[in-house]
Amino acid sequence: EVAAIEERLLRMYADPALDTKPELLERRGGAFYSEAAVDLVASLSAGRGDVQVVNVRNGDRLPFLPPEAVIEVPARVTAAGADPLPVDPVEPLFAGLIAHVTAYEELALEARSKEVSTG
């Protein structure tokens, strides 16, 4: 549903006569995302060194996930990029759930990539 809303919004935004915020935007979700995005760009540009929650490569932070997995964690943001802060160990029950969701997302991405490449 979000993807369909996003597609409709993009068509609306292509109209140069649009000069008001579409009501449909309220149904998309992601409130305050634009503020977080602007804050992140400002931190990267100015090298403020503040802590923000961002998506980064896992590396060895969560040992039950592959290094190339993307995780969302607090990180110190400077002009050089986002440096993830240490994370607390994850309880086994939650580690299993996180690993399961990550595997599902990887399989979905792989399937979609194959679908696109084969037409």
C-alpha atoms as a PDB file:
ATOM      1  CA  GLU A   1       0.000   0.000   0.000  1.00  0.00           C
ATOM      2  CA  VAL A   2       2.821   2.445   0.834  1.00  0.00           C
ATOM      3  CA  ALA A   3       4.458   1.789  -2.537  1.00  0.00           C
ATOM      4  CA  ALA A   4       1.171   2.498  -4.334  1.00  0.00           C
ATOM      5  CA  ILE A   5       0.716   5.725  -2.382  1.00  0.00           C
ATOM      6  CA  GLU A   6       4.300   6.724  -3.155  1.00  0.00           C
ATOM      7  CA  GLU A   7       3.730   6.058  -6.865  1.00  0.00           C
ATOM      8  CA  ARG A   8       0.595   8.230  -6.887  1.00  0.00           C
ATOM      9  CA  LEU A   9       2.410  10.983  -4.999  1.00  0.00           C
ATOM     10  CA  LEU A  10       5.291  10.973  -7.481  1.00  0.00           C
ATOM     11  CA  ARG A  11       2.832  11.380 -10.356  1.00  0.00           C
ATOM     12  CA  MET A  12       1.230  14.279  -8.492  1.00  0.00           C
ATOM     13  CA  TYR A  13       4.613  15.906  -7.833  1.00  0.00           C
ATOM     14  CA  ALA A  14       5.347  15.799 -11.578  1.00  0.00           C
ATOM     15  CA  ASP A  15       2.535  18.317 -12.090  1.00  0.00           C
ATOM     16  CA  PRO A  16       4.092  21.818 -12.106  1.00  0.00           C
ATOM     17  CA  ALA A  17       0.697  23.272 -11.140  1.00  0.00           C
ATOM     18  CA  LEU A  18       0.722  21.453  -7.781  1.00  0.00           C
ATOM     19  CA  ASP A  19       1.205  24.144  -5.154  1.00  0.00           C
ATOM     20  CA  THR A  20      -0.271  22.572  -2.032  1.00  0.00           C
ATOM     21  CA  LYS A  21       0.608  19.567   0.088  1.00  0.00           C
ATOM     22  CA  PRO A  22      -1.396  16.582  -1.201  1.00  0.00           C
ATOM     23  CA  GLU A  23      -3.780  15.046   1.358  1.00  0.00           C
ATOM     24  CA  LEU A  24      -2.515  11.657   0.207  1.00  0.00           C
ATOM     25  CA  LEU A  25       0.816  12.486   1.831  1.00  0.00           C
ATOM     26  CA  GLU A  26      -0.801  12.045   5.261  1.00  0.00           C
ATOM     27  CA  ARG A  27      -1.503   8.380   4.452  1.00  0.00           C
ATOM     28  CA  ARG A  28       2.079   7.590   3.442  1.00  0.00           C
ATOM     29  CA  GLY A  29       3.515   7.701   6.960  1.00  0.00           C
ATOM     30  CA  GLY A  30       7.078   8.616   7.848  1.00  0.00           C
ATOM     31  CA  ALA A  31       6.233  11.713   9.863  1.00  0.00           C
ATOM     32  CA  PHE A  32       9.324  13.774  10.669  1.00  0.00           C
ATOM     33  CA  TYR A  33      11.466  11.761   8.235  1.00  0.00           C
ATOM     34  CA  SER A  34      12.328  14.949   6.349  1.00  0.00           C
ATOM     35  CA  GLU A  35      13.564  16.581   9.558  1.00  0.00           C
ATOM     36  CA  ALA A  36      15.771  13.576  10.333  1.00  0.00           C
ATOM     37  CA  ALA A  37      17.126  13.569   6.769  1.00  0.00           C
ATOM     38  CA  VAL A  38      17.969  17.281   6.880  1.00  0.00           C
ATOM     39  CA  ASP A  39      19.634  16.838  10.273  1.00  0.00           C
ATOM     40  CA  LEU A  40      21.745  13.974   8.911  1.00  0.00           C
ATOM     41  CA  VAL A  41      22.847  15.983   5.869  1.00  0.00           C
ATOM     42  CA  ALA A  42      23.732  18.907   8.146  1.00  0.00           C
ATOM     43  CA  SER A  43      25.814  16.618  10.364  1.00  0.00           C
ATOM     44  CA  LEU A  44      27.628  15.132   7.383  1.00  0.00           C
ATOM     45  CA  SER A  45      28.279  18.571   5.902  1.00  0.00           C
ATOM     46  CA  ALA A  46      29.377  20.310   9.088  1.00  0.00           C
ATOM     47  CA  GLY A  47      31.033  17.341  10.775  1.00  0.00           C
ATOM     48  CA  ARG A  48      29.096  18.012  13.976  1.00  0.00           C
ATOM     49  CA  GLY A  49      29.869  14.661  15.561  1.00  0.00           C
ATOM     50  CA  ASP A  50      26.393  14.256  16.979  1.00  0.00           C
ATOM     51  CA  VAL A  51      24.746  10.884  17.511  1.00  0.00           C
ATOM     52  CA  GLN A  52      21.946   9.843  15.178  1.00  0.00           C
ATOM     53  CA  VAL A  53      20.245   6.562  14.389  1.00  0.00           C
ATOM     54  CA  VAL A  54      21.289   5.519  10.890  1.00  0.00           C
ATOM     55  CA  ASN A  55      21.560   2.446   8.672  1.00  0.00           C
ATOM     56  CA  VAL A  56      25.091   1.038   8.383  1.00  0.00           C
ATOM     57  CA  ARG A  57      26.803  -2.195   7.377  1.00  0.00           C
ATOM     58  CA  ASN A  58      26.811  -4.654  10.257  1.00  0.00           C
ATOM     59  CA  GLY A  59      30.480  -5.599  10.140  1.00  0.00           C
ATOM     60  CA  ASP A  60      30.959  -7.517  13.386  1.00  0.00           C
ATOM     61  CA  ARG A  61      28.539  -5.556  15.585  1.00  0.00           C
ATOM     62  CA  LEU A  62      25.812  -8.193  15.609  1.00  0.00           C
ATOM     63  CA  PRO A  63      27.694 -11.500  15.321  1.00  0.00           C
ATOM     64  CA  PHE A  64      24.574 -13.473  14.376  1.00  0.00           C
ATOM     65  CA  LEU A  65      24.172 -11.430  11.154  1.00  0.00           C
ATOM     66  CA  PRO A  66      26.375 -11.414   8.051  1.00  0.00           C
ATOM     67  CA  PRO A  67      28.915  -8.570   7.876  1.00  0.00           C
ATOM     68  CA  GLU A  68      27.183  -7.108   4.797  1.00  0.00           C
ATOM     69  CA  ALA A  69      23.761  -6.951   6.489  1.00  0.00           C
ATOM     70  CA  VAL A  70      22.379  -3.475   7.059  1.00  0.00           C
ATOM     71  CA  ILE A  71      21.524  -2.579  10.646  1.00  0.00           C
ATOM     72  CA  GLU A  72      19.929   0.509  12.160  1.00  0.00           C
ATOM     73  CA  VAL A  73      21.938   1.720  15.160  1.00  0.00           C
ATOM     74  CA  PRO A  74      23.104   4.903  16.863  1.00  0.00           C
ATOM     75  CA  ALA A  75      26.237   6.300  15.224  1.00  0.00           C
ATOM     76  CA  ARG A  76      28.438   9.354  15.612  1.00  0.00           C
ATOM     77  CA  VAL A  77      28.053  11.354  12.400  1.00  0.00           C
ATOM     78  CA  THR A  78      30.966  13.435  11.116  1.00  0.00           C
ATOM     79  CA  ALA A  79      32.066  14.716   7.727  1.00  0.00           C
ATOM     80  CA  ALA A  80      33.790  11.337   7.268  1.00  0.00           C
ATOM     81  CA  GLY A  81      30.493   9.472   7.643  1.00  0.00           C
ATOM     82  CA  ALA A  82      28.671   7.500  10.300  1.00  0.00           C
ATOM     83  CA  ASP A  83      30.732   5.625  12.892  1.00  0.00           C
ATOM     84  CA  PRO A  84      28.430   3.129  14.647  1.00  0.00           C
ATOM     85  CA  LEU A  85      28.540   3.115  18.431  1.00  0.00           C
ATOM     86  CA  PRO A  86      28.960  -0.175  20.302  1.00  0.00           C
ATOM     87  CA  VAL A  87      25.727  -2.105  20.709  1.00  0.00           C
ATOM     88  CA  ASP A  88      24.620  -4.148  23.694  1.00  0.00           C
ATOM     89  CA  PRO A  89      24.418  -7.916  23.270  1.00  0.00           C
ATOM     90  CA  VAL A  90      21.057  -9.085  21.957  1.00  0.00           C
ATOM     91  CA  GLU A  91      19.107 -11.732  23.875  1.00  0.00           C
ATOM     92  CA  PRO A  92      18.978 -15.071  22.000  1.00  0.00           C
ATOM     93  CA  LEU A  93      15.226 -14.869  21.404  1.00  0.00           C
ATOM     94  CA  PHE A  94      15.552 -11.471  19.745  1.00  0.00           C
ATOM     95  CA  ALA A  95      18.759 -12.431  17.930  1.00  0.00           C
ATOM     96  CA  GLY A  96      16.858 -15.303  16.313  1.00  0.00           C
ATOM     97  CA  LEU A  97      14.013 -13.027  15.289  1.00  0.00           C
ATOM     98  CA  ILE A  98      16.367 -10.392  13.861  1.00  0.00           C
ATOM     99  CA  ALA A  99      18.343 -13.052  11.965  1.00  0.00           C
ATOM    100  CA  HIS A 100      15.109 -14.531  10.587  1.00  0.00           C
ATOM    101  CA  VAL A 101      13.812 -11.158   9.361  1.00  0.00           C
ATOM    102  CA  THR A 102      17.205 -10.328   7.837  1.00  0.00           C
ATOM    103  CA  ALA A 103      17.265 -13.656   5.972  1.00  0.00           C
ATOM    104  CA  TYR A 104      13.729 -13.029   4.688  1.00  0.00           C
ATOM    105  CA  GLU A 105      14.682  -9.554   3.458  1.00  0.00           C
ATOM    106  CA  GLU A 106      17.774 -10.933   1.707  1.00  0.00           C
ATOM    107  CA  LEU A 107      15.708 -13.637  -0.019  1.00  0.00           C
ATOM    108  CA  ALA A 108      13.102 -11.089  -1.119  1.00  0.00           C
ATOM    109  CA  LEU A 109      15.824  -8.838  -2.516  1.00  0.00           C
ATOM    110  CA  GLU A 110      17.465 -11.750  -4.311  1.00  0.00           C
ATOM    111  CA  ALA A 111      14.143 -12.841  -5.826  1.00  0.00           C
ATOM    112  CA  ARG A 112      13.324  -9.326  -6.992  1.00  0.00           C
ATOM    113  CA  SER A 113      16.808  -8.904  -8.475  1.00  0.00           C
ATOM    114  CA  LYS A 114      16.407 -12.128 -10.461  1.00  0.00           C
ATOM    115  CA  GLU A 115      12.940 -11.055 -11.596  1.00  0.00           C
ATOM    116  CA  VAL A 116      14.248  -7.723 -12.871  1.00  0.00           C
ATOM    117  CA  SER A 117      17.255  -9.266 -14.620  1.00  0.00           C
ATOM    118  CA  THR A 118      15.137 -11.853 -16.446  1.00  0.00           C
ATOM    119  CA  GLY A 119      12.465  -9.378 -17.471  1.00  0.00           C
END
